[in-house]
């Protein structure tokens, strides 16, 4: 799955910290540590595997990739639930649609 920040959501990072802000409401969501690292990787082009790969590089070989994957999945769910990110592309859905087209073609 590929996500991007909604157009009205901007990421800011400075010496005081990092946060997401909804431009229409001014609501802020503080982001620290790994959360800020993930936000910087959400660009509407990278899929979850690409982001996971980058995080594994960032944290090195001593960190369990499965732990990072679980944290990433939970965090992305929280961002989506808060209305901060939107799904750009779901490769599973595309693959399923292609499968159904192929299947329908075989029936004829």
PDB file of N, CA and C in Angstrom:
ATOM      1  N   UNK A   1       0.827  -1.168   0.000  1.00  0.00           N
ATOM      2  CA  UNK A   1       0.000   0.000   0.000  1.00  0.00           C
ATOM      3  C   UNK A   1       0.879   1.241   0.000  1.00  0.00           C
ATOM      4  N   UNK A   2       0.408   2.231  -0.720  1.00  0.00           N
ATOM      5  CA  UNK A   2       1.146   3.486  -0.826  1.00  0.00           C
ATOM      6  C   UNK A   2       0.270   4.601  -0.259  1.00  0.00           C
ATOM      7  N   UNK A   3       0.849   5.356   0.668  1.00  0.00           N
ATOM      8  CA  UNK A   3       0.138   6.451   1.317  1.00  0.00           C
ATOM      9  C   UNK A   3       0.825   7.778   1.042  1.00  0.00           C
ATOM     10  N   UNK A   4       0.057   8.851   1.210  1.00  0.00           N
ATOM     11  CA  UNK A   4       0.614  10.196   1.200  1.00  0.00           C
ATOM     12  C   UNK A   4      -0.145  11.015   2.232  1.00  0.00           C
ATOM     13  N   UNK A   5       0.473  12.109   2.647  1.00  0.00           N
ATOM     14  CA  UNK A   5      -0.217  13.025   3.545  1.00  0.00           C
ATOM     15  C   UNK A   5      -1.333  13.701   2.763  1.00  0.00           C
ATOM     16  N   UNK A   6      -2.467  13.939   3.419  1.00  0.00           N
ATOM     17  CA  UNK A   6      -3.511  14.710   2.774  1.00  0.00           C
ATOM     18  C   UNK A   6      -2.945  16.069   2.404  1.00  0.00           C
ATOM     19  N   UNK A   7      -3.489  16.686   1.372  1.00  0.00           N
ATOM     20  CA  UNK A   7      -2.980  17.977   0.901  1.00  0.00           C
ATOM     21  C   UNK A   7      -3.030  19.052   1.977  1.00  0.00           C
ATOM     22  N   UNK A   8      -3.974  18.974   2.892  1.00  0.00           N
ATOM     23  CA  UNK A   8      -4.095  19.988   3.943  1.00  0.00           C
ATOM     24  C   UNK A   8      -3.256  19.668   5.178  1.00  0.00           C
ATOM     25  N   UNK A   9      -2.430  18.626   5.100  1.00  0.00           N
ATOM     26  CA  UNK A   9      -1.575  18.223   6.223  1.00  0.00           C
ATOM     27  C   UNK A   9      -0.116  18.464   5.839  1.00  0.00           C
ATOM     28  N   UNK A  10       0.581  19.200   6.665  1.00  0.00           N
ATOM     29  CA  UNK A  10       1.997  19.503   6.419  1.00  0.00           C
ATOM     30  C   UNK A  10       2.851  19.011   7.590  1.00  0.00           C
ATOM     31  N   UNK A  11       4.061  18.608   7.259  1.00  0.00           N
ATOM     32  CA  UNK A  11       5.022  18.141   8.261  1.00  0.00           C
ATOM     33  C   UNK A  11       6.046  19.235   8.502  1.00  0.00           C
ATOM     34  N   UNK A  12       6.271  19.536   9.777  1.00  0.00           N
ATOM     35  CA  UNK A  12       7.257  20.542  10.165  1.00  0.00           C
ATOM     36  C   UNK A  12       8.239  19.920  11.153  1.00  0.00           C
ATOM     37  N   UNK A  13       9.490  20.267  10.975  1.00  0.00           N
ATOM     38  CA  UNK A  13      10.523  19.779  11.878  1.00  0.00           C
ATOM     39  C   UNK A  13      11.500  20.924  12.130  1.00  0.00           C
ATOM     40  N   UNK A  14      11.743  21.198  13.414  1.00  0.00           N
ATOM     41  CA  UNK A  14      12.689  22.257  13.773  1.00  0.00           C
ATOM     42  C   UNK A  14      13.369  21.868  15.087  1.00  0.00           C
ATOM     43  N   UNK A  15      14.140  22.758  15.657  1.00  0.00           N
ATOM     44  CA  UNK A  15      14.881  22.444  16.876  1.00  0.00           C
ATOM     45  C   UNK A  15      13.950  22.138  18.053  1.00  0.00           C
ATOM     46  N   UNK A  16      12.739  22.640  17.990  1.00  0.00           N
ATOM     47  CA  UNK A  16      11.789  22.397  19.085  1.00  0.00           C
ATOM     48  C   UNK A  16      11.063  21.062  18.947  1.00  0.00           C
ATOM     49  N   UNK A  17      11.141  20.437  17.780  1.00  0.00           N
ATOM     50  CA  UNK A  17      10.488  19.151  17.579  1.00  0.00           C
ATOM     51  C   UNK A  17       9.861  19.033  16.203  1.00  0.00           C
ATOM     52  N   UNK A  18       9.150  17.949  16.010  1.00  0.00           N
ATOM     53  CA  UNK A  18       8.498  17.669  14.733  1.00  0.00           C
ATOM     54  C   UNK A  18       7.009  17.498  14.966  1.00  0.00           C
ATOM     55  N   UNK A  19       6.220  17.920  13.989  1.00  0.00           N
ATOM     56  CA  UNK A  19       4.779  17.771  14.122  1.00  0.00           C
ATOM     57  C   UNK A  19       4.098  17.831  12.760  1.00  0.00           C
ATOM     58  N   UNK A  20       2.912  17.248  12.719  1.00  0.00           N
ATOM     59  CA  UNK A  20       2.025  17.383  11.572  1.00  0.00           C
ATOM     60  C   UNK A  20       1.008  18.450  11.932  1.00  0.00           C
ATOM     61  N   UNK A  21       0.629  19.233  10.942  1.00  0.00           N
ATOM     62  CA  UNK A  21      -0.378  20.254  11.197  1.00  0.00           C
ATOM     63  C   UNK A  21      -1.417  20.232  10.085  1.00  0.00           C
ATOM     64  N   UNK A  22      -2.677  20.254  10.489  1.00  0.00           N
ATOM     65  CA  UNK A  22      -3.770  20.408   9.534  1.00  0.00           C
ATOM     66  C   UNK A  22      -3.902  21.901   9.255  1.00  0.00           C
ATOM     67  N   UNK A  23      -3.665  22.296   8.039  1.00  0.00           N
ATOM     68  CA  UNK A  23      -3.694  23.711   7.700  1.00  0.00           C
ATOM     69  C   UNK A  23      -5.091  24.318   7.847  1.00  0.00           C
ATOM     70  N   UNK A  24      -6.133  23.524   7.613  1.00  0.00           N
ATOM     71  CA  UNK A  24      -7.488  24.068   7.669  1.00  0.00           C
ATOM     72  C   UNK A  24      -7.966  24.321   9.096  1.00  0.00           C
ATOM     73  N   UNK A  25      -7.444  23.551  10.051  1.00  0.00           N
ATOM     74  CA  UNK A  25      -7.896  23.708  11.438  1.00  0.00           C
ATOM     75  C   UNK A  25      -6.806  24.203  12.376  1.00  0.00           C
ATOM     76  N   UNK A  26      -5.557  24.101  11.942  1.00  0.00           N
ATOM     77  CA  UNK A  26      -4.430  24.466  12.801  1.00  0.00           C
ATOM     78  C   UNK A  26      -4.099  23.405  13.839  1.00  0.00           C
ATOM     79  N   UNK A  27      -4.814  22.286  13.797  1.00  0.00           N
ATOM     80  CA  UNK A  27      -4.576  21.197  14.755  1.00  0.00           C
ATOM     81  C   UNK A  27      -3.187  20.602  14.523  1.00  0.00           C
ATOM     82  N   UNK A  28      -2.444  20.403  15.625  1.00  0.00           N
ATOM     83  CA  UNK A  28      -1.092  19.854  15.551  1.00  0.00           C
ATOM     84  C   UNK A  28      -1.030  18.471  16.182  1.00  0.00           C
ATOM     85  N   UNK A  29      -0.173  17.646  15.598  1.00  0.00           N
ATOM     86  CA  UNK A  29       0.079  16.299  16.096  1.00  0.00           C
ATOM     87  C   UNK A  29       1.588  16.161  16.252  1.00  0.00           C
ATOM     88  N   UNK A  30       2.066  16.121  17.481  1.00  0.00           N
ATOM     89  CA  UNK A  30       3.499  16.006  17.734  1.00  0.00           C
ATOM     90  C   UNK A  30       4.015  14.654  17.271  1.00  0.00           C
ATOM     91  N   UNK A  31       5.179  14.675  16.653  1.00  0.00           N
ATOM     92  CA  UNK A  31       5.819  13.472  16.140  1.00  0.00           C
ATOM     93  C   UNK A  31       7.249  13.449  16.635  1.00  0.00           C
ATOM     94  N   UNK A  32       7.614  12.413  17.334  1.00  0.00           N
ATOM     95  CA  UNK A  32       8.979  12.296  17.804  1.00  0.00           C
ATOM     96  C   UNK A  32       9.569  10.965  17.397  1.00  0.00           C
ATOM     97  N   UNK A  33      10.864  10.873  17.443  1.00  0.00           N
ATOM     98  CA  UNK A  33      11.572   9.615  17.204  1.00  0.00           C
ATOM     99  C   UNK A  33      11.233   8.975  15.879  1.00  0.00           C
ATOM    100  N   UNK A  34      10.876   7.696  15.952  1.00  0.00           N
ATOM    101  CA  UNK A  34      10.594   6.919  14.744  1.00  0.00           C
ATOM    102  C   UNK A  34       9.387   7.479  13.987  1.00  0.00           C
ATOM    103  N   UNK A  35       8.437   8.092  14.683  1.00  0.00           N
ATOM    104  CA  UNK A  35       7.263   8.660  14.012  1.00  0.00           C
ATOM    105  C   UNK A  35       7.695   9.720  13.001  1.00  0.00           C
ATOM    106  N   UNK A  36       8.597  10.590  13.396  1.00  0.00           N
ATOM    107  CA  UNK A  36       9.087  11.630  12.484  1.00  0.00           C
ATOM    108  C   UNK A  36       9.845  11.006  11.314  1.00  0.00           C
ATOM    109  N   UNK A  37      10.605   9.946  11.581  1.00  0.00           N
ATOM    110  CA  UNK A  37      11.332   9.258  10.512  1.00  0.00           C
ATOM    111  C   UNK A  37      10.356   8.667   9.495  1.00  0.00           C
ATOM    112  N   UNK A  38       9.278   8.081   9.975  1.00  0.00           N
ATOM    113  CA  UNK A  38       8.279   7.489   9.083  1.00  0.00           C
ATOM    114  C   UNK A  38       7.604   8.579   8.256  1.00  0.00           C
ATOM    115  N   UNK A  39       7.207   9.668   8.907  1.00  0.00           N
ATOM    116  CA  UNK A  39       6.530  10.761   8.202  1.00  0.00           C
ATOM    117  C   UNK A  39       7.389  11.270   7.042  1.00  0.00           C
ATOM    118  N   UNK A  40       8.677  11.382   7.267  1.00  0.00           N
ATOM    119  CA  UNK A  40       9.568  11.855   6.210  1.00  0.00           C
ATOM    120  C   UNK A  40       9.626  10.897   5.023  1.00  0.00           C
ATOM    121  N   UNK A  41       9.292   9.629   5.243  1.00  0.00           N
ATOM    122  CA  UNK A  41       9.325   8.630   4.171  1.00  0.00           C
ATOM    123  C   UNK A  41       7.998   8.489   3.426  1.00  0.00           C
ATOM    124  N   UNK A  42       6.933   9.040   3.973  1.00  0.00           N
ATOM    125  CA  UNK A  42       5.618   8.948   3.323  1.00  0.00           C
ATOM    126  C   UNK A  42       5.561  10.012   2.238  1.00  0.00           C
ATOM    127  N   UNK A  43       5.640   9.561   0.980  1.00  0.00           N
ATOM    128  CA  UNK A  43       5.728  10.517  -0.122  1.00  0.00           C
ATOM    129  C   UNK A  43       4.755  10.239  -1.264  1.00  0.00           C
ATOM    130  N   UNK A  44       3.897   9.251  -1.097  1.00  0.00           N
ATOM    131  CA  UNK A  44       2.961   8.921  -2.163  1.00  0.00           C
ATOM    132  C   UNK A  44       3.573   8.074  -3.263  1.00  0.00           C
ATOM    133  N   UNK A  45       4.831   7.701  -3.101  1.00  0.00           N
ATOM    134  CA  UNK A  45       5.531   6.873  -4.085  1.00  0.00           C
ATOM    135  C   UNK A  45       6.039   5.568  -3.467  1.00  0.00           C
ATOM    136  N   UNK A  46       6.535   5.667  -2.247  1.00  0.00           N
ATOM    137  CA  UNK A  46       7.063   4.474  -1.568  1.00  0.00           C
ATOM    138  C   UNK A  46       5.907   3.645  -1.017  1.00  0.00           C
ATOM    139  N   UNK A  47       6.020   2.330  -1.211  1.00  0.00           N
ATOM    140  CA  UNK A  47       5.028   1.467  -0.573  1.00  0.00           C
ATOM    141  C   UNK A  47       5.526   1.086   0.816  1.00  0.00           C
ATOM    142  N   UNK A  48       4.716   0.360   1.544  1.00  0.00           N
ATOM    143  CA  UNK A  48       5.057   0.015   2.924  1.00  0.00           C
ATOM    144  C   UNK A  48       6.361  -0.785   2.991  1.00  0.00           C
ATOM    145  N   UNK A  49       6.612  -1.643   2.007  1.00  0.00           N
ATOM    146  CA  UNK A  49       7.863  -2.413   2.006  1.00  0.00           C
ATOM    147  C   UNK A  49       9.072  -1.506   1.836  1.00  0.00           C
ATOM    148  N   UNK A  50       8.939  -0.502   0.967  1.00  0.00           N
ATOM    149  CA  UNK A  50      10.044   0.449   0.767  1.00  0.00           C
ATOM    150  C   UNK A  50      10.334   1.218   2.057  1.00  0.00           C
ATOM    151  N   UNK A  51       9.265   1.650   2.727  1.00  0.00           N
ATOM    152  CA  UNK A  51       9.435   2.391   3.986  1.00  0.00           C
ATOM    153  C   UNK A  51      10.073   1.495   5.039  1.00  0.00           C
ATOM    154  N   UNK A  52       9.613   0.259   5.131  1.00  0.00           N
ATOM    155  CA  UNK A  52      10.190  -0.696   6.084  1.00  0.00           C
ATOM    156  C   UNK A  52      11.676  -0.912   5.799  1.00  0.00           C
ATOM    157  N   UNK A  53      12.023  -1.047   4.543  1.00  0.00           N
ATOM    158  CA  UNK A  53      13.428  -1.240   4.165  1.00  0.00           C
ATOM    159  C   UNK A  53      14.280  -0.043   4.597  1.00  0.00           C
ATOM    160  N   UNK A  54      13.782   1.164   4.378  1.00  0.00           N
ATOM    161  CA  UNK A  54      14.513   2.365   4.777  1.00  0.00           C
ATOM    162  C   UNK A  54      14.664   2.441   6.296  1.00  0.00           C
ATOM    163  N   UNK A  55      13.612   2.081   7.021  1.00  0.00           N
ATOM    164  CA  UNK A  55      13.686   2.101   8.487  1.00  0.00           C
ATOM    165  C   UNK A  55      14.691   1.075   9.001  1.00  0.00           C
ATOM    166  N   UNK A  56      14.726  -0.089   8.373  1.00  0.00           N
ATOM    167  CA  UNK A  56      15.696  -1.121   8.778  1.00  0.00           C
ATOM    168  C   UNK A  56      17.119  -0.636   8.547  1.00  0.00           C
ATOM    169  N   UNK A  57      17.351   0.073   7.449  1.00  0.00           N
ATOM    170  CA  UNK A  57      18.682   0.646   7.189  1.00  0.00           C
ATOM    171  C   UNK A  57      19.018   1.681   8.261  1.00  0.00           C
ATOM    172  N   UNK A  58      18.033   2.494   8.603  1.00  0.00           N
ATOM    173  CA  UNK A  58      18.231   3.563   9.575  1.00  0.00           C
ATOM    174  C   UNK A  58      18.595   3.019  10.954  1.00  0.00           C
ATOM    175  N   UNK A  59      17.922   1.946  11.376  1.00  0.00           N
ATOM    176  CA  UNK A  59      18.124   1.420  12.717  1.00  0.00           C
ATOM    177  C   UNK A  59      19.172   0.325  12.802  1.00  0.00           C
ATOM    178  N   UNK A  60      19.635  -0.170  11.671  1.00  0.00           N
ATOM    179  CA  UNK A  60      20.740  -1.126  11.657  1.00  0.00           C
ATOM    180  C   UNK A  60      20.323  -2.560  11.895  1.00  0.00           C
ATOM    181  N   UNK A  61      21.305  -3.456  11.862  1.00  0.00           N
ATOM    182  CA  UNK A  61      21.041  -4.894  11.902  1.00  0.00           C
ATOM    183  C   UNK A  61      20.597  -5.430  13.267  1.00  0.00           C
ATOM    184  N   UNK A  62      20.750  -4.644  14.318  1.00  0.00           N
ATOM    185  CA  UNK A  62      20.387  -5.135  15.647  1.00  0.00           C
ATOM    186  C   UNK A  62      18.896  -5.029  15.954  1.00  0.00           C
ATOM    187  N   UNK A  63      18.130  -4.382  15.065  1.00  0.00           N
ATOM    188  CA  UNK A  63      16.700  -4.214  15.295  1.00  0.00           C
ATOM    189  C   UNK A  63      15.936  -5.260  14.501  1.00  0.00           C
ATOM    190  N   UNK A  64      14.953  -5.881  15.135  1.00  0.00           N
ATOM    191  CA  UNK A  64      14.135  -6.918  14.511  1.00  0.00           C
ATOM    192  C   UNK A  64      13.199  -6.299  13.481  1.00  0.00           C
ATOM    193  N   UNK A  65      13.339  -6.665  12.199  1.00  0.00           N
ATOM    194  CA  UNK A  65      12.470  -6.109  11.161  1.00  0.00           C
ATOM    195  C   UNK A  65      10.983  -6.379  11.417  1.00  0.00           C
ATOM    196  N   UNK A  66      10.659  -7.501  12.028  1.00  0.00           N
ATOM    197  CA  UNK A  66       9.253  -7.795  12.325  1.00  0.00           C
ATOM    198  C   UNK A  66       8.685  -6.825  13.345  1.00  0.00           C
ATOM    199  N   UNK A  67       9.510  -6.413  14.291  1.00  0.00           N
ATOM    200  CA  UNK A  67       9.062  -5.436  15.276  1.00  0.00           C
ATOM    201  C   UNK A  67       8.804  -4.086  14.589  1.00  0.00           C
ATOM    202  N   UNK A  68       9.728  -3.692  13.719  1.00  0.00           N
ATOM    203  CA  UNK A  68       9.562  -2.435  12.989  1.00  0.00           C
ATOM    204  C   UNK A  68       8.323  -2.510  12.100  1.00  0.00           C
ATOM    205  N   UNK A  69       8.126  -3.640  11.439  1.00  0.00           N
ATOM    206  CA  UNK A  69       6.956  -3.800  10.560  1.00  0.00           C
ATOM    207  C   UNK A  69       5.658  -3.661  11.351  1.00  0.00           C
ATOM    208  N   UNK A  70       5.602  -4.255  12.530  1.00  0.00           N
ATOM    209  CA  UNK A  70       4.407  -4.150  13.366  1.00  0.00           C
ATOM    210  C   UNK A  70       4.160  -2.722  13.813  1.00  0.00           C
ATOM    211  N   UNK A  71       5.221  -2.030  14.218  1.00  0.00           N
ATOM    212  CA  UNK A  71       5.101  -0.630  14.631  1.00  0.00           C
ATOM    213  C   UNK A  71       4.661   0.238  13.453  1.00  0.00           C
ATOM    214  N   UNK A  72       5.229  -0.014  12.291  1.00  0.00           N
ATOM    215  CA  UNK A  72       4.891   0.753  11.097  1.00  0.00           C
ATOM    216  C   UNK A  72       3.412   0.563  10.742  1.00  0.00           C
ATOM    217  N   UNK A  73       2.963  -0.663  10.761  1.00  0.00           N
ATOM    218  CA  UNK A  73       1.563  -0.952  10.426  1.00  0.00           C
ATOM    219  C   UNK A  73       0.609  -0.261  11.405  1.00  0.00           C
ATOM    220  N   UNK A  74       0.920  -0.346  12.689  1.00  0.00           N
ATOM    221  CA  UNK A  74       0.072   0.306  13.694  1.00  0.00           C
ATOM    222  C   UNK A  74       0.055   1.818  13.516  1.00  0.00           C
ATOM    223  N   UNK A  75       1.221   2.381  13.307  1.00  0.00           N
ATOM    224  CA  UNK A  75       1.336   3.826  13.167  1.00  0.00           C
ATOM    225  C   UNK A  75       0.581   4.317  11.931  1.00  0.00           C
ATOM    226  N   UNK A  76       0.727   3.618  10.815  1.00  0.00           N
ATOM    227  CA  UNK A  76       0.016   4.016   9.598  1.00  0.00           C
ATOM    228  C   UNK A  76      -1.491   3.927   9.813  1.00  0.00           C
ATOM    229  N   UNK A  77      -1.937   2.927  10.538  1.00  0.00           N
ATOM    230  CA  UNK A  77      -3.358   2.811  10.864  1.00  0.00           C
ATOM    231  C   UNK A  77      -3.833   3.994  11.696  1.00  0.00           C
ATOM    232  N   UNK A  78      -3.010   4.410  12.651  1.00  0.00           N
ATOM    233  CA  UNK A  78      -3.356   5.565  13.489  1.00  0.00           C
ATOM    234  C   UNK A  78      -3.418   6.841  12.658  1.00  0.00           C
ATOM    235  N   UNK A  79      -2.459   7.011  11.744  1.00  0.00           N
ATOM    236  CA  UNK A  79      -2.459   8.197  10.888  1.00  0.00           C
ATOM    237  C   UNK A  79      -3.704   8.217   9.996  1.00  0.00           C
ATOM    238  N   UNK A  80      -4.043   7.064   9.448  1.00  0.00           N
ATOM    239  CA  UNK A  80      -5.225   6.977   8.580  1.00  0.00           C
ATOM    240  C   UNK A  80      -6.495   7.262   9.380  1.00  0.00           C
ATOM    241  N   UNK A  81      -6.577   6.684  10.556  1.00  0.00           N
ATOM    242  CA  UNK A  81      -7.751   6.881  11.405  1.00  0.00           C
ATOM    243  C   UNK A  81      -7.902   8.352  11.818  1.00  0.00           C
ATOM    244  N   UNK A  82      -6.792   9.040  12.003  1.00  0.00           N
ATOM    245  CA  UNK A  82      -6.821  10.451  12.379  1.00  0.00           C
ATOM    246  C   UNK A  82      -7.070  11.358  11.169  1.00  0.00           C
ATOM    247  N   UNK A  83      -7.133  10.770   9.971  1.00  0.00           N
ATOM    248  CA  UNK A  83      -7.378  11.555   8.772  1.00  0.00           C
ATOM    249  C   UNK A  83      -6.186  12.365   8.311  1.00  0.00           C
ATOM    250  N   UNK A  84      -4.976  11.858   8.580  1.00  0.00           N
ATOM    251  CA  UNK A  84      -3.760  12.577   8.211  1.00  0.00           C
ATOM    252  C   UNK A  84      -3.120  12.055   6.932  1.00  0.00           C
ATOM    253  N   UNK A  85      -3.381  10.795   6.600  1.00  0.00           N
ATOM    254  CA  UNK A  85      -2.846  10.201   5.375  1.00  0.00           C
ATOM    255  C   UNK A  85      -3.985   9.600   4.574  1.00  0.00           C
ATOM    256  N   UNK A  86      -3.738   9.493   3.276  1.00  0.00           N
ATOM    257  CA  UNK A  86      -4.711   8.848   2.403  1.00  0.00           C
ATOM    258  C   UNK A  86      -4.014   7.770   1.586  1.00  0.00           C
ATOM    259  N   UNK A  87      -4.774   6.770   1.245  1.00  0.00           N
ATOM    260  CA  UNK A  87      -4.265   5.672   0.435  1.00  0.00           C
ATOM    261  C   UNK A  87      -4.200   6.126  -1.016  1.00  0.00           C
ATOM    262  N   UNK A  88      -3.016   6.030  -1.601  1.00  0.00           N
ATOM    263  CA  UNK A  88      -2.811   6.423  -2.991  1.00  0.00           C
ATOM    264  C   UNK A  88      -3.008   5.224  -3.897  1.00  0.00           C
ATOM    265  N   UNK A  89      -2.473   4.086  -3.465  1.00  0.00           N
ATOM    266  CA  UNK A  89      -2.504   2.897  -4.313  1.00  0.00           C
ATOM    267  C   UNK A  89      -2.477   1.656  -3.441  1.00  0.00           C
ATOM    268  N   UNK A  90      -3.347   0.728  -3.770  1.00  0.00           N
ATOM    269  CA  UNK A  90      -3.389  -0.556  -3.084  1.00  0.00           C
ATOM    270  C   UNK A  90      -3.069  -1.634  -4.114  1.00  0.00           C
ATOM    271  N   UNK A  91      -1.819  -2.098  -4.157  1.00  0.00           N
ATOM    272  CA  UNK A  91      -1.426  -3.099  -5.149  1.00  0.00           C
ATOM    273  C   UNK A  91      -2.279  -4.362  -5.091  1.00  0.00           C
ATOM    274  N   UNK A  92      -2.750  -4.727  -3.898  1.00  0.00           N
ATOM    275  CA  UNK A  92      -3.594  -5.913  -3.776  1.00  0.00           C
ATOM    276  C   UNK A  92      -4.892  -5.703  -4.552  1.00  0.00           C
ATOM    277  N   UNK A  93      -5.495  -4.550  -4.399  1.00  0.00           N
ATOM    278  CA  UNK A  93      -6.749  -4.244  -5.091  1.00  0.00           C
ATOM    279  C   UNK A  93      -6.542  -4.271  -6.600  1.00  0.00           C
ATOM    280  N   UNK A  94      -5.456  -3.678  -7.072  1.00  0.00           N
ATOM    281  CA  UNK A  94      -5.162  -3.695  -8.506  1.00  0.00           C
ATOM    282  C   UNK A  94      -4.970  -5.114  -9.005  1.00  0.00           C
ATOM    283  N   UNK A  95      -4.214  -5.904  -8.249  1.00  0.00           N
ATOM    284  CA  UNK A  95      -3.983  -7.298  -8.631  1.00  0.00           C
ATOM    285  C   UNK A  95      -5.279  -8.083  -8.659  1.00  0.00           C
ATOM    286  N   UNK A  96      -6.155  -7.821  -7.711  1.00  0.00           N
ATOM    287  CA  UNK A  96      -7.434  -8.515  -7.650  1.00  0.00           C
ATOM    288  C   UNK A  96      -8.291  -8.146  -8.856  1.00  0.00           C
ATOM    289  N   UNK A  97      -8.309  -6.871  -9.217  1.00  0.00           N
ATOM    290  CA  UNK A  97      -9.090  -6.439 -10.376  1.00  0.00           C
ATOM    291  C   UNK A  97      -8.570  -7.091 -11.647  1.00  0.00           C
ATOM    292  N   UNK A  98      -7.259  -7.159 -11.806  1.00  0.00           N
ATOM    293  CA  UNK A  98      -6.673  -7.821 -12.975  1.00  0.00           C
ATOM    294  C   UNK A  98      -7.027  -9.306 -12.990  1.00  0.00           C
ATOM    295  N   UNK A  99      -6.984  -9.932 -11.837  1.00  0.00           N
ATOM    296  CA  UNK A  99      -7.341 -11.346 -11.729  1.00  0.00           C
ATOM    297  C   UNK A  99      -8.791 -11.564 -12.169  1.00  0.00           C
ATOM    298  N   UNK A 100      -9.697 -10.681 -11.706  1.00  0.00           N
ATOM    299  CA  UNK A 100     -11.109 -10.825 -12.062  1.00  0.00           C
ATOM    300  C   UNK A 100     -11.325 -10.613 -13.562  1.00  0.00           C
ATOM    301  N   UNK A 101     -10.617  -9.669 -14.165  1.00  0.00           N
ATOM    302  CA  UNK A 101     -10.727  -9.461 -15.607  1.00  0.00           C
ATOM    303  C   UNK A 101     -10.267 -10.695 -16.362  1.00  0.00           C
ATOM    304  N   UNK A 102      -9.135 -11.252 -15.919  1.00  0.00           N
ATOM    305  CA  UNK A 102      -8.601 -12.440 -16.551  1.00  0.00           C
ATOM    306  C   UNK A 102      -9.584 -13.599 -16.411  1.00  0.00           C
ATOM    307  N   UNK A 103     -10.140 -13.742 -15.238  1.00  0.00           N
ATOM    308  CA  UNK A 103     -11.082 -14.817 -14.955  1.00  0.00           C
ATOM    309  C   UNK A 103     -12.342 -14.683 -15.804  1.00  0.00           C
ATOM    310  N   UNK A 104     -12.846 -13.465 -15.934  1.00  0.00           N
ATOM    311  CA  UNK A 104     -14.027 -13.224 -16.761  1.00  0.00           C
ATOM    312  C   UNK A 104     -13.732 -13.542 -18.213  1.00  0.00           C
ATOM    313  N   UNK A 105     -12.528 -13.244 -18.678  1.00  0.00           N
ATOM    314  CA  UNK A 105     -12.129 -13.540 -20.055  1.00  0.00           C
ATOM    315  C   UNK A 105     -12.094 -15.035 -20.319  1.00  0.00           C
ATOM    316  N   UNK A 106     -11.733 -15.831 -19.329  1.00  0.00           N
ATOM    317  CA  UNK A 106     -11.686 -17.289 -19.481  1.00  0.00           C
ATOM    318  C   UNK A 106     -13.072 -17.914 -19.552  1.00  0.00           C
ATOM    319  N   UNK A 107     -14.064 -17.239 -18.947  1.00  0.00           N
ATOM    320  CA  UNK A 107     -15.430 -17.764 -18.931  1.00  0.00           C
ATOM    321  C   UNK A 107     -16.071 -17.650 -20.312  1.00  0.00           C
ATOM    322  N   UNK A 108     -15.644 -16.659 -21.103  1.00  0.00           N
ATOM    323  CA  UNK A 108     -16.275 -16.419 -22.421  1.00  0.00           C
ATOM    324  C   UNK A 108     -15.746 -17.320 -23.472  1.00  0.00           C
TER     325      UNK A 108
END
